[in-house]
Amino acid sequence: LHPNLLEQGAMAEKQAQLQQYLEQSNNEIMQLNNQLALLQAQQEQARAKVHQWVSGETVALQHARGRGVGDCQEAPLAL
């Protein structure tokens, strides 16, 4: 075979390998992005539960101390 034909064949093979690598990489990135979105949603749910629990505990402590809900200012919760 002519050297140019060999080079063209090798080039086509490398391009096919590159295309396959890019597709695999894109699929992996999409899977990781989906996993990240799921973890972020779980984190937000956990934060909401903690906030709800802390708010409930604050109200319970205020009532246990004989104070009304409006008698005490609640410090903001930084999560």
Protein backbone atom coordinates (compact mmCIF):
# COMPACT_ATOMS: atom_id res chain seq x y z
CA LEU A 1 0.00 0.00 0.00
CA HIS A 2 0.96 3.56 -0.56
CA PRO A 3 2.38 5.37 2.55
CA ASN A 4 -0.34 8.03 2.33
CA LEU A 5 -3.04 5.35 2.46
CA LEU A 6 -1.40 3.85 5.55
CA GLU A 7 -1.26 7.26 7.20
CA GLN A 8 -4.89 7.95 6.31
CA GLY A 9 -5.93 4.59 7.76
CA ALA A 10 -3.99 5.25 10.96
CA MET A 11 -5.48 8.74 11.14
CA ALA A 12 -9.02 7.39 10.71
CA GLU A 13 -8.39 4.82 13.44
CA LYS A 14 -7.08 7.49 15.82
CA GLN A 15 -10.10 9.69 15.06
CA ALA A 16 -12.43 6.77 15.81
CA GLN A 17 -10.60 6.12 19.09
CA LEU A 18 -10.83 9.79 19.99
CA GLN A 19 -14.54 9.87 19.20
CA GLN A 20 -15.13 6.82 21.39
CA TYR A 21 -13.11 8.37 24.22
CA LEU A 22 -15.09 11.61 23.97
CA GLU A 23 -18.41 9.75 24.07
CA GLN A 24 -17.32 7.72 27.09
CA SER A 25 -16.06 10.85 28.84
CA ASN A 26 -19.30 12.73 28.14
CA ASN A 27 -21.35 9.81 29.47
CA GLU A 28 -19.26 9.67 32.62
CA ILE A 29 -19.61 13.43 33.13
CA MET A 30 -23.39 13.21 32.71
CA GLN A 31 -23.56 10.36 35.24
CA LEU A 32 -21.46 12.34 37.72
CA ASN A 33 -23.62 15.44 37.20
CA ASN A 34 -26.74 13.37 37.86
CA GLN A 35 -25.15 11.95 41.00
CA LEU A 36 -24.17 15.45 42.12
CA ALA A 37 -27.72 16.73 41.58
CA LEU A 38 -29.09 13.84 43.64
CA LEU A 39 -26.62 14.49 46.46
CA GLN A 40 -27.43 18.21 46.43
CA ALA A 41 -31.14 17.42 46.70
CA GLN A 42 -30.46 15.06 49.62
CA GLN A 43 -28.34 17.72 51.30
CA GLU A 44 -31.11 20.28 50.93
CA GLN A 45 -33.64 17.84 52.41
CA ALA A 46 -31.31 17.19 55.33
CA ARG A 47 -30.85 20.94 55.91
CA ALA A 48 -34.60 21.44 55.88
CA LYS A 49 -35.06 18.63 58.42
CA VAL A 50 -32.35 20.08 60.67
CA HIS A 51 -33.89 23.53 60.45
CA GLN A 52 -37.32 22.10 61.25
CA TRP A 53 -35.92 20.12 64.18
CA VAL A 54 -33.96 23.10 65.57
CA SER A 55 -37.00 25.35 65.23
CA GLY A 56 -39.13 22.79 67.05
CA GLU A 57 -36.54 22.39 69.80
CA THR A 58 -36.35 26.17 70.24
CA VAL A 59 -40.12 26.41 70.66
CA ALA A 60 -40.11 23.46 73.07
CA LEU A 61 -37.33 25.04 75.16
CA GLN A 62 -39.13 28.37 75.23
CA HIS A 63 -42.31 26.72 76.46
CA ALA A 64 -40.35 24.67 79.00
CA ARG A 65 -38.86 27.88 80.37
CA GLY A 66 -42.27 29.46 80.57
CA ARG A 67 -41.78 31.86 77.70
CA GLY A 68 -44.02 32.36 74.76
CA VAL A 69 -42.81 31.92 71.25
CA GLY A 70 -42.65 35.67 70.70
CA ASP A 71 -40.73 36.40 73.91
CA CYS A 72 -37.38 35.20 72.63
CA GLN A 73 -35.51 36.08 69.49
CA GLU A 74 -34.13 33.12 67.67
CA ALA A 75 -30.59 33.37 66.30
CA PRO A 76 -30.33 32.48 62.63
CA LEU A 77 -29.06 29.00 61.96
CA ALA A 78 -26.05 28.85 59.67
CA LEU A 79 -25.85 25.46 57.97
